[in-house]
Amino acid sequence: MTAAARVLAAIVTCNSARYLRACLDGVRAQTHPELEVRLWDNASTDGTRAIAAEYAGMLAALHLSERNIGFSAAHNRLIAASAADYVLVLNPDVVLDPRFVEILLAALRADPGAGAATGKLWRMSGEGADPAGARVIDTAGIYFTRNQRHLDRGSGERDSGQYDTREYVFGASGAAAFYRRAMLEDVRFGAEYFDESFFAYREDADLAWRAQWLGWSCLYVPQATGWHARRVLPERRASLPAEINMHSFKNRFLMRVKNMDAGTYARNFLPITARDLLALGYVLLRERSSLRAFPLLCRALPHARRARADLWKRRRAAPRDLRRWFADRPVARPAPEPTHL
């Protein structure tokens, strides 16, 4: 009989009281027996800390930070503090089906070339879900377009079984991403699994891109399901906090500095440039608060270039292998079906 693997469930909160109880109840209901739960709170003021304290008995550690150090830095600290073989990075506004961890763990154990796995998340009721009750997909993995937008497969679509096939996708959404420890250690630069220059937003896509360069695949397993109260969507940009939009704008360029090869850039120069000009024009005309992204980007460039140099020395995939992922429609590759789940 195969020994149970230790899995870390890492949760970072920041004013997450609205959903946190449901999230932690979903974690507590997981069927996998060896689950280590660690929570980092980034200076919440809305009652999040009181709710987390109610669950102290199930937490291996509860870290209460007096300042918001960001999604990336907080998760790096949670991951580094654990010796678990697998890591579930989980948003506090996600509620998982009880077998979510069990299913993704079995999938990674059966596929040694996969460094990450993702399931199918639906929109939570009242958060973009269909008022008639039909299930609406939140994410079935992430993909990149030719103009360097990274999006969630199936986002906003009614679920009619169109994403019920086990496949390889570009990467896992950071809302509920399941990682193999060996992959995380492989993509790590210095002490960082997630790049702390990103602070928050797009750091999951950056990690997925680095993993692809190093030859790790990401497995989409539709039997692993959950619900997500997603707030950050392209169509909601005008109503999002200025800090969110600023980091998102900054990180679209930072991610490219670290990961884009010259050949892919040249082949997609026109759509990339057109999109960049549209984004810049929007910021100049309607979102000047995001102009602060440029000095932050300049400050992050030396670190980004060192990370890129390290990645380029160790990369195991050729540019043509990654180029196939950049398309105007979601790209996936067939994955072998298991005998059972």
C-alpha atoms as a PDB file:
ATOM      1  CA  MET A   1       0.000   0.000   0.000  1.00  0.00           C
ATOM      2  CA  THR A   2       1.377   3.427  -0.998  1.00  0.00           C
ATOM      3  CA  ALA A   3       2.145   5.699   1.952  1.00  0.00           C
ATOM      4  CA  ALA A   4       0.121   8.885   2.227  1.00  0.00           C
ATOM      5  CA  ALA A   5       2.040  11.904   0.934  1.00  0.00           C
ATOM      6  CA  ARG A   6       2.177  15.076   2.970  1.00  0.00           C
ATOM      7  CA  VAL A   7       0.346  17.956   1.326  1.00  0.00           C
ATOM      8  CA  LEU A   8       0.622  21.576   2.405  1.00  0.00           C
ATOM      9  CA  ALA A   9      -2.493  23.718   1.979  1.00  0.00           C
ATOM     10  CA  ALA A  10      -1.166  27.301   1.920  1.00  0.00           C
ATOM     11  CA  ILE A  11      -3.717  30.094   2.328  1.00  0.00           C
ATOM     12  CA  VAL A  12      -2.965  33.826   2.239  1.00  0.00           C
ATOM     13  CA  THR A  13      -5.661  36.199   3.467  1.00  0.00           C
ATOM     14  CA  CYS A  14      -6.212  39.939   3.338  1.00  0.00           C
ATOM     15  CA  ASN A  15      -9.631  41.139   4.484  1.00  0.00           C
ATOM     16  CA  SER A  16     -11.083  37.769   3.512  1.00  0.00           C
ATOM     17  CA  ALA A  17     -13.713  37.385   6.236  1.00  0.00           C
ATOM     18  CA  ARG A  18     -16.618  37.081   3.799  1.00  0.00           C
ATOM     19  CA  TYR A  19     -15.501  33.694   2.447  1.00  0.00           C
ATOM     20  CA  LEU A  20     -12.903  32.349   4.863  1.00  0.00           C
ATOM     21  CA  ARG A  21     -15.152  30.068   6.945  1.00  0.00           C
ATOM     22  CA  ALA A  22     -16.466  28.284   3.857  1.00  0.00           C
ATOM     23  CA  CYS A  23     -12.913  27.926   2.522  1.00  0.00           C
ATOM     24  CA  LEU A  24     -11.552  26.438   5.755  1.00  0.00           C
ATOM     25  CA  ASP A  25     -14.558  24.135   6.121  1.00  0.00           C
ATOM     26  CA  GLY A  26     -13.803  22.858   2.606  1.00  0.00           C
ATOM     27  CA  VAL A  27     -10.176  22.256   3.538  1.00  0.00           C
ATOM     28  CA  ARG A  28     -11.171  20.466   6.745  1.00  0.00           C
ATOM     29  CA  ALA A  29     -13.496  18.183   4.742  1.00  0.00           C
ATOM     30  CA  GLN A  30     -10.709  16.951   2.419  1.00  0.00           C
ATOM     31  CA  THR A  31     -10.475  13.174   2.243  1.00  0.00           C
ATOM     32  CA  HIS A  32      -6.663  13.142   2.007  1.00  0.00           C
ATOM     33  CA  PRO A  33      -5.398  12.321   5.523  1.00  0.00           C
ATOM     34  CA  GLU A  34      -1.971  14.002   5.541  1.00  0.00           C
ATOM     35  CA  LEU A  35      -2.945  17.651   5.081  1.00  0.00           C
ATOM     36  CA  GLU A  36      -0.868  20.388   6.712  1.00  0.00           C
ATOM     37  CA  VAL A  37      -2.707  23.729   6.714  1.00  0.00           C
ATOM     38  CA  ARG A  38      -0.807  27.001   7.093  1.00  0.00           C
ATOM     39  CA  LEU A  39      -2.396  30.449   6.911  1.00  0.00           C
ATOM     40  CA  TRP A  40      -0.728  33.836   6.524  1.00  0.00           C
ATOM     41  CA  ASP A  41      -2.780  36.964   7.098  1.00  0.00           C
ATOM     42  CA  ASN A  42      -1.657  40.189   5.445  1.00  0.00           C
ATOM     43  CA  ALA A  43      -2.790  42.864   7.917  1.00  0.00           C
ATOM     44  CA  SER A  44      -6.543  42.236   7.735  1.00  0.00           C
ATOM     45  CA  THR A  45      -8.857  44.614   9.552  1.00  0.00           C
ATOM     46  CA  ASP A  46     -12.260  43.038   8.779  1.00  0.00           C
ATOM     47  CA  GLY A  47     -12.525  40.114  11.189  1.00  0.00           C
ATOM     48  CA  THR A  48     -10.439  37.667   9.155  1.00  0.00           C
ATOM     49  CA  ARG A  49      -8.080  37.062  12.081  1.00  0.00           C
ATOM     50  CA  ALA A  50     -10.905  36.217  14.483  1.00  0.00           C
ATOM     51  CA  ILE A  51     -12.285  33.670  12.020  1.00  0.00           C
ATOM     52  CA  ALA A  52      -8.832  32.146  11.475  1.00  0.00           C
ATOM     53  CA  ALA A  53      -8.443  31.824  15.255  1.00  0.00           C
ATOM     54  CA  GLU A  54     -11.628  29.738  15.371  1.00  0.00           C
ATOM     55  CA  TYR A  55      -9.843  27.156  13.214  1.00  0.00           C
ATOM     56  CA  ALA A  56      -6.582  27.180  15.169  1.00  0.00           C
ATOM     57  CA  GLY A  57      -6.970  23.484  15.937  1.00  0.00           C
ATOM     58  CA  MET A  58      -6.635  22.511  12.282  1.00  0.00           C
ATOM     59  CA  LEU A  59      -3.826  24.956  11.463  1.00  0.00           C
ATOM     60  CA  ALA A  60      -0.187  23.920  11.595  1.00  0.00           C
ATOM     61  CA  ALA A  61       0.662  27.617  11.743  1.00  0.00           C
ATOM     62  CA  LEU A  62      -1.131  30.959  11.755  1.00  0.00           C
ATOM     63  CA  HIS A  63       1.024  33.955  10.815  1.00  0.00           C
ATOM     64  CA  LEU A  64      -0.333  37.435  11.524  1.00  0.00           C
ATOM     65  CA  SER A  65       1.598  40.039   9.583  1.00  0.00           C
ATOM     66  CA  GLU A  66       1.248  43.680  10.574  1.00  0.00           C
ATOM     67  CA  ARG A  67       1.800  44.770   6.984  1.00  0.00           C
ATOM     68  CA  ASN A  68       0.675  43.459   3.627  1.00  0.00           C
ATOM     69  CA  ILE A  69       3.755  41.809   2.151  1.00  0.00           C
ATOM     70  CA  GLY A  70       1.839  40.555  -0.893  1.00  0.00           C
ATOM     71  CA  PHE A  71       0.525  37.264  -2.206  1.00  0.00           C
ATOM     72  CA  SER A  72       3.890  36.119  -3.571  1.00  0.00           C
ATOM     73  CA  ALA A  73       6.018  36.798  -0.493  1.00  0.00           C
ATOM     74  CA  ALA A  74       3.455  35.342   1.907  1.00  0.00           C
ATOM     75  CA  HIS A  75       3.144  32.112  -0.059  1.00  0.00           C
ATOM     76  CA  ASN A  76       6.926  31.835  -0.341  1.00  0.00           C
ATOM     77  CA  ARG A  77       7.175  31.913   3.435  1.00  0.00           C
ATOM     78  CA  LEU A  78       4.439  29.334   3.898  1.00  0.00           C
ATOM     79  CA  ILE A  79       5.999  26.961   1.374  1.00  0.00           C
ATOM     80  CA  ALA A  80       9.513  27.369   2.800  1.00  0.00           C
ATOM     81  CA  ALA A  81       8.255  26.597   6.315  1.00  0.00           C
ATOM     82  CA  SER A  82       6.929  23.195   5.281  1.00  0.00           C
ATOM     83  CA  ALA A  83       8.622  20.002   4.135  1.00  0.00           C
ATOM     84  CA  ALA A  84       5.475  18.662   2.429  1.00  0.00           C
ATOM     85  CA  ASP A  85       5.919  16.758  -0.835  1.00  0.00           C
ATOM     86  CA  TYR A  86       3.059  18.616  -2.532  1.00  0.00           C
ATOM     87  CA  VAL A  87       1.674  22.127  -2.139  1.00  0.00           C
ATOM     88  CA  LEU A  88      -1.864  23.386  -2.657  1.00  0.00           C
ATOM     89  CA  VAL A  89      -1.875  27.165  -3.085  1.00  0.00           C
ATOM     90  CA  LEU A  90      -5.416  28.142  -2.215  1.00  0.00           C
ATOM     91  CA  ASN A  91      -7.291  31.430  -2.294  1.00  0.00           C
ATOM     92  CA  PRO A  92      -9.528  32.108   0.719  1.00  0.00           C
ATOM     93  CA  ASP A  93     -12.499  32.702  -1.617  1.00  0.00           C
ATOM     94  CA  VAL A  94     -12.400  29.129  -2.967  1.00  0.00           C
ATOM     95  CA  VAL A  95     -14.450  26.208  -1.642  1.00  0.00           C
ATOM     96  CA  LEU A  96     -13.163  22.775  -2.650  1.00  0.00           C
ATOM     97  CA  ASP A  97     -14.975  19.519  -3.199  1.00  0.00           C
ATOM     98  CA  PRO A  98     -13.844  17.060  -0.475  1.00  0.00           C
ATOM     99  CA  ARG A  99     -11.869  14.902  -2.945  1.00  0.00           C
ATOM    100  CA  PHE A 100     -10.021  17.785  -4.618  1.00  0.00           C
ATOM    101  CA  VAL A 101      -6.641  17.093  -3.000  1.00  0.00           C
ATOM    102  CA  GLU A 102      -7.018  13.312  -3.205  1.00  0.00           C
ATOM    103  CA  ILE A 103      -7.727  13.434  -6.957  1.00  0.00           C
ATOM    104  CA  LEU A 104      -4.940  15.839  -7.902  1.00  0.00           C
ATOM    105  CA  LEU A 105      -2.422  14.034  -5.727  1.00  0.00           C
ATOM    106  CA  ALA A 106      -3.220  10.732  -7.438  1.00  0.00           C
ATOM    107  CA  ALA A 107      -2.912  12.422 -10.834  1.00  0.00           C
ATOM    108  CA  LEU A 108       0.558  13.838 -10.113  1.00  0.00           C
ATOM    109  CA  ARG A 109       1.784  10.602  -8.575  1.00  0.00           C
ATOM    110  CA  ALA A 110       0.798   8.766 -11.769  1.00  0.00           C
ATOM    111  CA  ASP A 111       2.463  11.342 -14.047  1.00  0.00           C
ATOM    112  CA  PRO A 112       6.060  12.101 -12.978  1.00  0.00           C
ATOM    113  CA  GLY A 113       6.559  14.638 -15.781  1.00  0.00           C
ATOM    114  CA  ALA A 114       3.763  16.844 -14.469  1.00  0.00           C
ATOM    115  CA  GLY A 115       4.886  19.473 -11.991  1.00  0.00           C
ATOM    116  CA  ALA A 116       1.469  21.002 -11.409  1.00  0.00           C
ATOM    117  CA  ALA A 117      -2.168  20.039 -11.578  1.00  0.00           C
ATOM    118  CA  THR A 118      -5.386  21.985 -11.697  1.00  0.00           C
ATOM    119  CA  GLY A 119      -9.028  21.109 -11.459  1.00  0.00           C
ATOM    120  CA  LYS A 120     -12.245  22.687 -12.669  1.00  0.00           C
ATOM    121  CA  LEU A 121     -13.525  25.632 -10.649  1.00  0.00           C
ATOM    122  CA  TRP A 122     -17.028  27.022 -11.057  1.00  0.00           C
ATOM    123  CA  ARG A 123     -18.205  30.533 -10.235  1.00  0.00           C
ATOM    124  CA  MET A 124     -19.661  30.767  -6.782  1.00  0.00           C
ATOM    125  CA  SER A 125     -23.333  31.701  -6.534  1.00  0.00           C
ATOM    126  CA  GLY A 126     -23.778  35.467  -6.644  1.00  0.00           C
ATOM    127  CA  GLU A 127     -20.278  36.018  -8.081  1.00  0.00           C
ATOM    128  CA  GLY A 128     -20.892  35.794 -11.810  1.00  0.00           C
ATOM    129  CA  ALA A 129     -22.774  32.489 -11.646  1.00  0.00           C
ATOM    130  CA  ASP A 130     -25.798  31.880 -13.863  1.00  0.00           C
ATOM    131  CA  PRO A 131     -28.956  33.142 -12.099  1.00  0.00           C
ATOM    132  CA  ALA A 132     -30.878  30.211 -13.552  1.00  0.00           C
ATOM    133  CA  GLY A 133     -28.653  27.822 -11.638  1.00  0.00           C
ATOM    134  CA  ALA A 134     -26.496  26.459 -14.456  1.00  0.00           C
ATOM    135  CA  ARG A 135     -22.880  25.947 -13.487  1.00  0.00           C
ATOM    136  CA  VAL A 136     -20.588  28.622 -14.904  1.00  0.00           C
ATOM    137  CA  ILE A 137     -16.899  27.847 -15.316  1.00  0.00           C
ATOM    138  CA  ASP A 138     -14.400  30.024 -13.503  1.00  0.00           C
ATOM    139  CA  THR A 139     -11.232  28.285 -14.660  1.00  0.00           C
ATOM    140  CA  ALA A 140     -10.127  25.075 -16.328  1.00  0.00           C
ATOM    141  CA  GLY A 141      -6.457  26.066 -16.343  1.00  0.00           C
ATOM    142  CA  ILE A 142      -4.750  29.140 -17.788  1.00  0.00           C
ATOM    143  CA  TYR A 143      -3.656  29.895 -21.342  1.00  0.00           C
ATOM    144  CA  PHE A 144      -1.825  32.656 -23.219  1.00  0.00           C
ATOM    145  CA  THR A 145      -2.967  34.495 -26.310  1.00  0.00           C
ATOM    146  CA  ARG A 146      -0.594  35.663 -29.041  1.00  0.00           C
ATOM    147  CA  ASN A 147      -0.778  39.230 -27.715  1.00  0.00           C
ATOM    148  CA  GLN A 148       0.360  38.032 -24.273  1.00  0.00           C
ATOM    149  CA  ARG A 149      -2.879  38.123 -22.372  1.00  0.00           C
ATOM    150  CA  HIS A 150      -3.105  35.241 -19.948  1.00  0.00           C
ATOM    151  CA  LEU A 151      -6.658  34.089 -19.345  1.00  0.00           C
ATOM    152  CA  ASP A 152      -8.638  31.301 -17.703  1.00  0.00           C
ATOM    153  CA  ARG A 153      -9.928  28.590 -19.997  1.00  0.00           C
ATOM    154  CA  GLY A 154     -13.708  28.537 -20.038  1.00  0.00           C
ATOM    155  CA  SER A 155     -14.082  31.672 -17.912  1.00  0.00           C
ATOM    156  CA  GLY A 156     -17.737  32.740 -17.885  1.00  0.00           C
ATOM    157  CA  GLU A 157     -18.932  29.803 -20.018  1.00  0.00           C
ATOM    158  CA  ARG A 158     -21.854  27.603 -19.016  1.00  0.00           C
ATOM    159  CA  ASP A 159     -20.512  24.171 -18.193  1.00  0.00           C
ATOM    160  CA  SER A 160     -21.928  21.738 -20.724  1.00  0.00           C
ATOM    161  CA  GLY A 161     -19.078  19.247 -20.515  1.00  0.00           C
ATOM    162  CA  GLN A 162     -16.769  21.064 -22.937  1.00  0.00           C
ATOM    163  CA  TYR A 163     -13.900  20.824 -20.430  1.00  0.00           C
ATOM    164  CA  ASP A 164     -14.490  17.306 -19.158  1.00  0.00           C
ATOM    165  CA  THR A 165     -11.370  15.824 -20.762  1.00  0.00           C
ATOM    166  CA  ARG A 166      -8.129  15.253 -18.886  1.00  0.00           C
ATOM    167  CA  GLU A 167      -5.507  17.372 -20.687  1.00  0.00           C
ATOM    168  CA  TYR A 168      -2.200  19.156 -20.398  1.00  0.00           C
ATOM    169  CA  VAL A 169      -2.638  22.936 -20.149  1.00  0.00           C
ATOM    170  CA  PHE A 170      -0.179  25.804 -19.869  1.00  0.00           C
ATOM    171  CA  GLY A 171      -0.615  26.288 -16.148  1.00  0.00           C
ATOM    172  CA  ALA A 172      -2.797  26.348 -13.062  1.00  0.00           C
ATOM    173  CA  SER A 173      -4.718  29.330 -11.779  1.00  0.00           C
ATOM    174  CA  GLY A 174      -3.325  30.508  -8.448  1.00  0.00           C
ATOM    175  CA  ALA A 175      -6.854  30.342  -7.021  1.00  0.00           C
ATOM    176  CA  ALA A 176      -6.338  26.605  -6.405  1.00  0.00           C
ATOM    177  CA  ALA A 177      -3.035  25.390  -7.842  1.00  0.00           C
ATOM    178  CA  PHE A 178      -1.572  22.014  -6.879  1.00  0.00           C
ATOM    179  CA  TYR A 179       2.223  21.778  -7.173  1.00  0.00           C
ATOM    180  CA  ARG A 180       4.822  19.055  -6.874  1.00  0.00           C
ATOM    181  CA  ARG A 181       7.536  20.111  -4.414  1.00  0.00           C
ATOM    182  CA  ALA A 182      10.272  18.942  -6.796  1.00  0.00           C
ATOM    183  CA  MET A 183       8.954  21.305  -9.467  1.00  0.00           C
ATOM    184  CA  LEU A 184       8.761  24.236  -7.059  1.00  0.00           C
ATOM    185  CA  GLU A 185      12.359  23.668  -6.004  1.00  0.00           C
ATOM    186  CA  ASP A 186      13.392  23.454  -9.658  1.00  0.00           C
ATOM    187  CA  VAL A 187      11.785  26.770 -10.666  1.00  0.00           C
ATOM    188  CA  ARG A 188      12.842  28.579  -7.478  1.00  0.00           C
ATOM    189  CA  PHE A 189      15.175  31.552  -7.893  1.00  0.00           C
ATOM    190  CA  GLY A 190      16.991  32.283  -4.667  1.00  0.00           C
ATOM    191  CA  ALA A 191      14.404  31.972  -1.915  1.00  0.00           C
ATOM    192  CA  GLU A 192      11.489  32.778  -4.224  1.00  0.00           C
ATOM    193  CA  TYR A 193       9.041  30.286  -5.701  1.00  0.00           C
ATOM    194  CA  PHE A 194       6.692  33.113  -6.679  1.00  0.00           C
ATOM    195  CA  ASP A 195       8.495  36.260  -7.795  1.00  0.00           C
ATOM    196  CA  GLU A 196       8.059  38.792  -4.993  1.00  0.00           C
ATOM    197  CA  SER A 197       8.498  41.702  -7.398  1.00  0.00           C
ATOM    198  CA  PHE A 198       5.033  40.834  -8.697  1.00  0.00           C
ATOM    199  CA  PHE A 199       3.530  41.408  -5.212  1.00  0.00           C
ATOM    200  CA  ALA A 200       0.224  39.979  -6.473  1.00  0.00           C
ATOM    201  CA  TYR A 201      -1.487  39.112  -9.791  1.00  0.00           C
ATOM    202  CA  ARG A 202       0.035  37.184 -12.712  1.00  0.00           C
ATOM    203  CA  GLU A 203       2.577  35.502 -10.417  1.00  0.00           C
ATOM    204  CA  ASP A 204       0.854  32.150 -11.136  1.00  0.00           C
ATOM    205  CA  ALA A 205       1.333  32.631 -14.891  1.00  0.00           C
ATOM    206  CA  ASP A 206       4.985  33.599 -14.376  1.00  0.00           C
ATOM    207  CA  LEU A 207       5.608  30.437 -12.351  1.00  0.00           C
ATOM    208  CA  ALA A 208       3.802  28.330 -14.976  1.00  0.00           C
ATOM    209  CA  TRP A 209       5.928  29.836 -17.768  1.00  0.00           C
ATOM    210  CA  ARG A 210       9.158  29.113 -15.893  1.00  0.00           C
ATOM    211  CA  ALA A 211       7.987  25.539 -15.284  1.00  0.00           C
ATOM    212  CA  GLN A 212       7.305  25.080 -19.004  1.00  0.00           C
ATOM    213  CA  TRP A 213      10.828  26.271 -19.841  1.00  0.00           C
ATOM    214  CA  LEU A 214      12.203  23.660 -17.431  1.00  0.00           C
ATOM    215  CA  GLY A 215      10.191  20.856 -19.032  1.00  0.00           C
ATOM    216  CA  TRP A 216       7.428  20.466 -16.449  1.00  0.00           C
ATOM    217  CA  SER A 217       3.880  19.991 -17.690  1.00  0.00           C
ATOM    218  CA  CYS A 218       0.615  21.012 -16.012  1.00  0.00           C
ATOM    219  CA  LEU A 219      -2.188  18.476 -15.826  1.00  0.00           C
ATOM    220  CA  TYR A 220      -5.864  19.474 -15.943  1.00  0.00           C
ATOM    221  CA  VAL A 221      -8.071  16.971 -14.128  1.00  0.00           C
ATOM    222  CA  PRO A 222     -11.792  17.830 -14.437  1.00  0.00           C
ATOM    223  CA  GLN A 223     -12.879  15.435 -11.684  1.00  0.00           C
ATOM    224  CA  ALA A 224     -11.232  17.753  -9.107  1.00  0.00           C
ATOM    225  CA  THR A 225     -13.771  20.526  -8.613  1.00  0.00           C
ATOM    226  CA  GLY A 226     -14.476  23.597  -6.513  1.00  0.00           C
ATOM    227  CA  TRP A 227     -16.158  27.007  -6.455  1.00  0.00           C
ATOM    228  CA  HIS A 228     -14.487  30.413  -6.701  1.00  0.00           C
ATOM    229  CA  ALA A 229     -15.867  33.867  -5.871  1.00  0.00           C
ATOM    230  CA  ARG A 230     -13.668  35.547  -8.474  1.00  0.00           C
ATOM    231  CA  ARG A 231     -13.497  39.319  -8.270  1.00  0.00           C
ATOM    232  CA  VAL A 232     -10.633  40.166 -10.625  1.00  0.00           C
ATOM    233  CA  LEU A 233     -11.906  39.880 -14.204  1.00  0.00           C
ATOM    234  CA  PRO A 234     -10.975  41.943 -17.294  1.00  0.00           C
ATOM    235  CA  GLU A 235     -14.536  43.198 -17.694  1.00  0.00           C
ATOM    236  CA  ARG A 236     -14.555  44.475 -14.087  1.00  0.00           C
ATOM    237  CA  ARG A 237     -11.327  46.468 -14.341  1.00  0.00           C
ATOM    238  CA  ALA A 238     -12.963  49.877 -13.925  1.00  0.00           C
ATOM    239  CA  SER A 239     -14.465  48.846 -10.583  1.00  0.00           C
ATOM    240  CA  LEU A 240     -11.360  47.182  -9.123  1.00  0.00           C
ATOM    241  CA  PRO A 241      -9.073  48.845  -6.546  1.00  0.00           C
ATOM    242  CA  ALA A 242      -6.333  50.977  -8.088  1.00  0.00           C
ATOM    243  CA  GLU A 243      -3.614  48.869  -6.414  1.00  0.00           C
ATOM    244  CA  ILE A 244      -4.838  45.702  -8.128  1.00  0.00           C
ATOM    245  CA  ASN A 245      -4.895  47.327 -11.566  1.00  0.00           C
ATOM    246  CA  MET A 246      -1.472  48.892 -11.091  1.00  0.00           C
ATOM    247  CA  HIS A 247       0.204  45.586 -10.203  1.00  0.00           C
ATOM    248  CA  SER A 248      -1.596  43.802 -13.024  1.00  0.00           C
ATOM    249  CA  PHE A 249      -0.337  46.425 -15.510  1.00  0.00           C
ATOM    250  CA  LYS A 250       3.224  46.246 -14.161  1.00  0.00           C
ATOM    251  CA  ASN A 251       3.358  42.479 -14.176  1.00  0.00           C
ATOM    252  CA  ARG A 252       2.289  42.057 -17.804  1.00  0.00           C
ATOM    253  CA  PHE A 253       5.676  43.570 -18.761  1.00  0.00           C
ATOM    254  CA  LEU A 254       7.692  42.047 -15.936  1.00  0.00           C
ATOM    255  CA  MET A 255       6.564  38.545 -16.859  1.00  0.00           C
ATOM    256  CA  ARG A 256       7.624  39.079 -20.461  1.00  0.00           C
ATOM    257  CA  VAL A 257      11.068  40.415 -19.473  1.00  0.00           C
ATOM    258  CA  LYS A 258      11.679  37.211 -17.530  1.00  0.00           C
ATOM    259  CA  ASN A 259      10.253  34.616 -19.904  1.00  0.00           C
ATOM    260  CA  MET A 260       9.800  35.740 -23.514  1.00  0.00           C
ATOM    261  CA  ASP A 261      12.318  34.518 -26.095  1.00  0.00           C
ATOM    262  CA  ALA A 262      13.224  36.706 -29.052  1.00  0.00           C
ATOM    263  CA  GLY A 263      11.817  34.353 -31.690  1.00  0.00           C
ATOM    264  CA  THR A 264       8.383  34.194 -30.123  1.00  0.00           C
ATOM    265  CA  TYR A 265       8.362  37.956 -29.650  1.00  0.00           C
ATOM    266  CA  ALA A 266       9.259  38.503 -33.307  1.00  0.00           C
ATOM    267  CA  ARG A 267       6.523  36.147 -34.537  1.00  0.00           C
ATOM    268  CA  ASN A 268       3.895  37.867 -32.414  1.00  0.00           C
ATOM    269  CA  PHE A 269       5.277  41.405 -32.527  1.00  0.00           C
ATOM    270  CA  LEU A 270       2.239  43.038 -34.134  1.00  0.00           C
ATOM    271  CA  PRO A 271      -0.461  41.636 -31.789  1.00  0.00           C
ATOM    272  CA  ILE A 272       1.768  42.166 -28.736  1.00  0.00           C
ATOM    273  CA  THR A 273       2.564  45.769 -29.669  1.00  0.00           C
ATOM    274  CA  ALA A 274      -1.050  46.571 -30.532  1.00  0.00           C
ATOM    275  CA  ARG A 275      -2.182  45.263 -27.159  1.00  0.00           C
ATOM    276  CA  ASP A 276       0.574  47.153 -25.325  1.00  0.00           C
ATOM    277  CA  LEU A 277      -0.419  50.416 -27.020  1.00  0.00           C
ATOM    278  CA  LEU A 278      -4.065  49.878 -26.093  1.00  0.00           C
ATOM    279  CA  ALA A 279      -3.122  49.173 -22.469  1.00  0.00           C
ATOM    280  CA  LEU A 280      -0.822  52.184 -22.298  1.00  0.00           C
ATOM    281  CA  GLY A 281      -3.440  54.440 -23.872  1.00  0.00           C
ATOM    282  CA  TYR A 282      -6.040  53.265 -21.371  1.00  0.00           C
ATOM    283  CA  VAL A 283      -3.713  53.986 -18.462  1.00  0.00           C
ATOM    284  CA  LEU A 284      -2.798  57.439 -19.771  1.00  0.00           C
ATOM    285  CA  LEU A 285      -6.402  58.439 -20.455  1.00  0.00           C
ATOM    286  CA  ARG A 286      -8.465  56.659 -17.804  1.00  0.00           C
ATOM    287  CA  GLU A 287      -6.250  55.015 -15.182  1.00  0.00           C
ATOM    288  CA  ARG A 288      -3.385  57.323 -14.382  1.00  0.00           C
ATOM    289  CA  SER A 289      -3.041  55.719 -10.959  1.00  0.00           C
ATOM    290  CA  SER A 290      -1.376  52.796 -12.768  1.00  0.00           C
ATOM    291  CA  LEU A 291       1.488  54.985 -14.015  1.00  0.00           C
ATOM    292  CA  ARG A 292       3.188  54.136 -10.732  1.00  0.00           C
ATOM    293  CA  ALA A 293       3.833  50.745 -12.339  1.00  0.00           C
ATOM    294  CA  PHE A 294       6.732  52.157 -14.370  1.00  0.00           C
ATOM    295  CA  PRO A 295       9.088  53.106 -11.505  1.00  0.00           C
ATOM    296  CA  LEU A 296       8.254  49.798  -9.800  1.00  0.00           C
ATOM    297  CA  LEU A 297       9.023  47.967 -13.032  1.00  0.00           C
ATOM    298  CA  CYS A 298      12.355  49.758 -13.382  1.00  0.00           C
ATOM    299  CA  ARG A 299      13.222  48.866  -9.795  1.00  0.00           C
ATOM    300  CA  ALA A 300      12.393  45.187 -10.466  1.00  0.00           C
ATOM    301  CA  LEU A 301      14.376  44.883 -13.719  1.00  0.00           C
ATOM    302  CA  PRO A 302      17.800  43.934 -12.258  1.00  0.00           C
ATOM    303  CA  HIS A 303      16.232  41.083 -10.273  1.00  0.00           C
ATOM    304  CA  ALA A 304      14.183  40.013 -13.306  1.00  0.00           C
ATOM    305  CA  ARG A 305      17.263  39.901 -15.526  1.00  0.00           C
ATOM    306  CA  ARG A 306      19.180  37.788 -13.009  1.00  0.00           C
ATOM    307  CA  ALA A 307      16.236  35.396 -12.772  1.00  0.00           C
ATOM    308  CA  ARG A 308      16.047  35.224 -16.561  1.00  0.00           C
ATOM    309  CA  ALA A 309      19.770  34.496 -16.866  1.00  0.00           C
ATOM    310  CA  ASP A 310      19.470  31.680 -14.343  1.00  0.00           C
ATOM    311  CA  LEU A 311      16.455  30.235 -16.165  1.00  0.00           C
ATOM    312  CA  TRP A 312      18.136  30.453 -19.570  1.00  0.00           C
ATOM    313  CA  LYS A 313      21.158  28.494 -18.287  1.00  0.00           C
ATOM    314  CA  ARG A 314      18.948  25.683 -17.006  1.00  0.00           C
ATOM    315  CA  ARG A 315      16.044  25.566 -19.481  1.00  0.00           C
ATOM    316  CA  ARG A 316      15.236  22.162 -20.925  1.00  0.00           C
ATOM    317  CA  ALA A 317      12.549  23.119 -23.446  1.00  0.00           C
ATOM    318  CA  ALA A 318      13.216  24.707 -26.832  1.00  0.00           C
ATOM    319  CA  PRO A 319      11.436  27.939 -27.831  1.00  0.00           C
ATOM    320  CA  ARG A 320       9.440  26.053 -30.461  1.00  0.00           C
ATOM    321  CA  ASP A 321       8.064  23.813 -27.698  1.00  0.00           C
ATOM    322  CA  LEU A 322       6.634  26.810 -25.853  1.00  0.00           C
ATOM    323  CA  ARG A 323       5.571  28.726 -28.955  1.00  0.00           C
ATOM    324  CA  ARG A 324       2.682  26.346 -29.596  1.00  0.00           C
ATOM    325  CA  TRP A 325       1.002  27.501 -26.380  1.00  0.00           C
ATOM    326  CA  PHE A 326       0.501  31.078 -27.638  1.00  0.00           C
ATOM    327  CA  ALA A 327      -2.687  31.169 -29.704  1.00  0.00           C
ATOM    328  CA  ASP A 328      -5.908  33.100 -30.042  1.00  0.00           C
ATOM    329  CA  ARG A 329      -7.892  30.187 -28.610  1.00  0.00           C
ATOM    330  CA  PRO A 330      -7.072  27.986 -25.612  1.00  0.00           C
ATOM    331  CA  VAL A 331      -4.481  25.320 -26.400  1.00  0.00           C
ATOM    332  CA  ALA A 332      -4.380  21.945 -24.672  1.00  0.00           C
ATOM    333  CA  ARG A 333      -2.623  18.636 -25.312  1.00  0.00           C
ATOM    334  CA  PRO A 334      -4.039  15.154 -24.764  1.00  0.00           C
ATOM    335  CA  ALA A 335      -3.139  13.468 -21.480  1.00  0.00           C
ATOM    336  CA  PRO A 336      -3.549   9.778 -20.700  1.00  0.00           C
ATOM    337  CA  GLU A 337      -6.731   8.906 -18.832  1.00  0.00           C
ATOM    338  CA  PRO A 338      -6.242   7.036 -15.545  1.00  0.00           C
ATOM    339  CA  THR A 339      -7.822   3.661 -14.957  1.00  0.00           C
ATOM    340  CA  HIS A 340      -9.765   5.117 -12.025  1.00  0.00           C
ATOM    341  CA  LEU A 341     -10.014   8.184  -9.798  1.00  0.00           C
END
